[in-house]
Amino acid sequence: MIFGNKSVNTLRINTLLDKNGEVHFFKPVLRAGVGDAYVDNYNAGGVEYAIDQKTGIITMPGYRNGELKQIYHPGTDIKMVGYQIPLWSEVLDQVSKAARHIPGCRYVGWDVAITPTGVELIEGNHNPGYVCMEYFGEIGWYDKLKKYL
């Protein structure tokens, strides 16, 4: 996915593997770089967009510089709210398979790229940042997730 910048733009898909081996997805985001930055993460000036985990559609303005107001990708005229992430079902399938390969690490934040040739898993973070779980006005994720622990 290219949004007029130099970075690879990635998805962060958090998974939790429950005690029965089922994979649960939560709080997926698109991380998009801005301008000349070679990285896409929020701490490097990027913008994060909440994705509906069932449909793969960006649901609200992006979060950047402490503000939730990026309807359009900064520096472009690409409207992000309503944007359909390509290959969404394939993304979830690949991440689910990867999560089951490492049952000893039940909570993983997966970084995924959509390339011209398909879905590419970049890495699985065993201790991903927790900040993005509270962006976009959502709180209370511990209560939502503890039933799977």
Protein backbone atom coordinates (compact mmCIF):
# COMPACT_ATOMS: atom_id res chain seq x y z
CA MET A 1 0.00 0.00 0.00
CA ILE A 2 1.47 3.30 -1.06
CA PHE A 3 0.27 6.65 0.26
CA GLY A 4 2.67 9.09 -1.39
CA ASN A 5 5.53 8.55 1.05
CA LYS A 6 8.84 6.67 1.23
CA SER A 7 8.09 4.12 3.93
CA VAL A 8 6.64 0.66 3.76
CA ASN A 9 3.17 1.10 5.25
CA THR A 10 2.26 -1.72 7.58
CA LEU A 11 -0.64 -3.18 9.43
CA ARG A 12 -0.29 -3.96 13.13
CA ILE A 13 -2.54 -6.90 13.92
CA ASN A 14 -2.66 -7.92 17.57
CA THR A 15 -3.53 -11.51 18.36
CA LEU A 16 -4.24 -13.41 21.53
CA LEU A 17 -4.14 -17.20 21.49
CA ASP A 18 -6.59 -18.54 24.05
CA LYS A 19 -6.10 -21.65 26.19
CA ASN A 20 -8.00 -23.70 23.56
CA GLY A 21 -5.68 -22.65 20.73
CA GLU A 22 -8.14 -20.23 19.11
CA VAL A 23 -6.75 -16.99 17.70
CA HIS A 24 -8.50 -13.75 18.62
CA PHE A 25 -7.76 -10.53 16.74
CA PHE A 26 -8.02 -7.14 18.35
CA LYS A 27 -7.27 -3.52 17.65
CA PRO A 28 -5.86 -3.72 14.09
CA VAL A 29 -4.37 -0.50 12.74
CA LEU A 30 -2.81 0.75 9.54
CA ARG A 31 0.44 2.58 10.18
CA ALA A 32 1.26 4.99 7.37
CA GLY A 33 4.42 6.99 6.97
CA VAL A 34 4.34 10.68 6.17
CA GLY A 35 6.53 12.69 3.81
CA ASP A 36 10.19 11.70 3.57
CA ALA A 37 10.16 9.36 6.58
CA TYR A 38 11.45 5.85 5.88
CA VAL A 39 9.41 4.34 8.72
CA ASP A 40 5.67 4.34 9.30
CA ASN A 41 5.28 4.22 13.05
CA TYR A 42 3.54 6.82 15.14
CA ASN A 43 6.64 7.74 17.15
CA ALA A 44 8.45 8.67 13.91
CA GLY A 45 5.72 11.06 12.79
CA GLY A 46 3.48 8.52 11.10
CA VAL A 47 -0.27 8.25 11.38
CA GLU A 48 -2.34 5.32 12.65
CA TYR A 49 -5.81 4.45 11.42
CA ALA A 50 -8.23 2.12 13.21
CA ILE A 51 -9.41 -0.82 11.11
CA ASP A 52 -12.65 -2.71 11.60
CA GLN A 53 -11.40 -6.23 12.25
CA LYS A 54 -14.33 -7.91 10.50
CA THR A 55 -14.37 -5.88 7.28
CA GLY A 56 -10.86 -4.44 6.97
CA ILE A 57 -12.25 -0.94 6.46
CA ILE A 58 -10.71 2.12 8.14
CA THR A 59 -13.39 3.36 10.48
CA MET A 60 -12.30 6.76 11.76
CA PRO A 61 -9.80 9.60 11.33
CA GLY A 62 -6.15 8.80 11.91
CA TYR A 63 -4.18 9.55 15.04
CA ARG A 64 -1.11 11.74 14.59
CA ASN A 65 0.77 14.16 16.83
CA GLY A 66 -1.66 13.51 19.67
CA GLU A 67 -4.73 14.37 17.62
CA LEU A 68 -7.46 12.25 16.12
CA LYS A 69 -8.26 14.19 12.96
CA GLN A 70 -6.51 12.75 9.88
CA ILE A 71 -9.41 12.03 7.51
CA TYR A 72 -7.01 12.30 4.56
CA HIS A 73 -3.50 10.89 4.57
CA PRO A 74 -1.18 13.86 5.32
CA GLY A 75 0.43 15.17 2.16
CA THR A 76 -1.98 13.39 -0.17
CA ASP A 77 -5.63 13.66 -1.08
CA ILE A 78 -6.30 10.00 -0.32
CA LYS A 79 -9.39 9.75 1.87
CA MET A 80 -8.62 7.17 4.52
CA VAL A 81 -11.94 6.90 6.35
CA GLY A 82 -13.79 4.17 4.48
CA TYR A 83 -10.61 2.86 2.80
CA GLN A 84 -10.72 -0.92 2.29
CA ILE A 85 -7.48 -2.67 3.23
CA PRO A 86 -6.62 -4.93 0.28
CA LEU A 87 -6.52 -8.70 0.81
CA TRP A 88 -8.00 -8.37 4.30
CA SER A 89 -9.21 -11.97 4.64
CA GLU A 90 -5.80 -13.22 3.48
CA VAL A 91 -4.11 -10.96 6.07
CA LEU A 92 -6.20 -12.49 8.86
CA ASP A 93 -5.59 -16.01 7.56
CA GLN A 94 -1.79 -15.58 7.41
CA VAL A 95 -1.62 -13.95 10.85
CA SER A 96 -3.82 -16.66 12.35
CA LYS A 97 -1.56 -19.40 10.97
CA ALA A 98 1.54 -17.64 12.25
CA ALA A 99 0.04 -17.17 15.73
CA ARG A 100 -0.65 -20.90 16.00
CA HIS A 101 3.02 -21.67 15.19
CA ILE A 102 4.21 -20.12 18.44
CA PRO A 103 1.76 -21.19 21.15
CA GLY A 104 4.26 -20.31 23.88
CA CYS A 105 3.82 -16.63 23.03
CA ARG A 106 0.10 -16.09 23.24
CA TYR A 107 0.00 -12.31 22.75
CA VAL A 108 1.73 -11.03 19.58
CA GLY A 109 1.62 -7.80 17.63
CA TRP A 110 2.12 -8.76 13.97
CA ASP A 111 3.52 -6.32 11.43
CA VAL A 112 2.19 -7.06 7.97
CA ALA A 113 2.77 -5.43 4.58
CA ILE A 114 0.55 -5.61 1.53
CA THR A 115 2.86 -5.79 -1.48
CA PRO A 116 2.19 -6.04 -5.22
CA THR A 117 2.63 -9.81 -4.87
CA GLY A 118 0.46 -10.29 -1.78
CA VAL A 119 0.60 -10.42 2.00
CA GLU A 120 4.02 -10.38 3.68
CA LEU A 121 4.52 -11.01 7.39
CA ILE A 122 7.35 -8.77 8.53
CA GLU A 123 7.63 -9.73 12.18
CA GLY A 124 5.80 -10.79 15.29
CA ASN A 125 6.44 -8.63 18.35
CA HIS A 126 6.25 -10.55 21.62
CA ASN A 127 5.99 -7.30 23.56
CA PRO A 128 4.23 -4.88 21.21
CA GLY A 129 3.37 -1.37 22.23
CA TYR A 130 0.15 -1.15 24.15
CA VAL A 131 -0.49 2.53 23.49
CA CYS A 132 -2.38 2.02 20.23
CA MET A 133 -4.95 -0.12 22.03
CA GLU A 134 -6.23 2.99 23.80
CA TYR A 135 -6.23 5.34 20.77
CA PHE A 136 -9.40 6.28 19.02
CA GLY A 137 -11.41 6.75 22.19
CA GLU A 138 -11.60 3.08 23.08
CA ILE A 139 -10.74 2.06 26.62
CA GLY A 140 -11.12 -1.05 28.73
CA TRP A 141 -9.18 -3.53 26.61
CA TYR A 142 -8.06 -5.57 29.63
CA ASP A 143 -11.67 -6.44 30.43
CA LYS A 144 -12.29 -7.36 26.79
CA LEU A 145 -9.25 -9.65 26.63
CA LYS A 146 -9.02 -11.27 30.07
CA LYS A 147 -11.72 -13.84 29.23
CA TYR A 148 -9.21 -15.40 26.79
CA LEU A 149 -6.35 -15.66 29.28
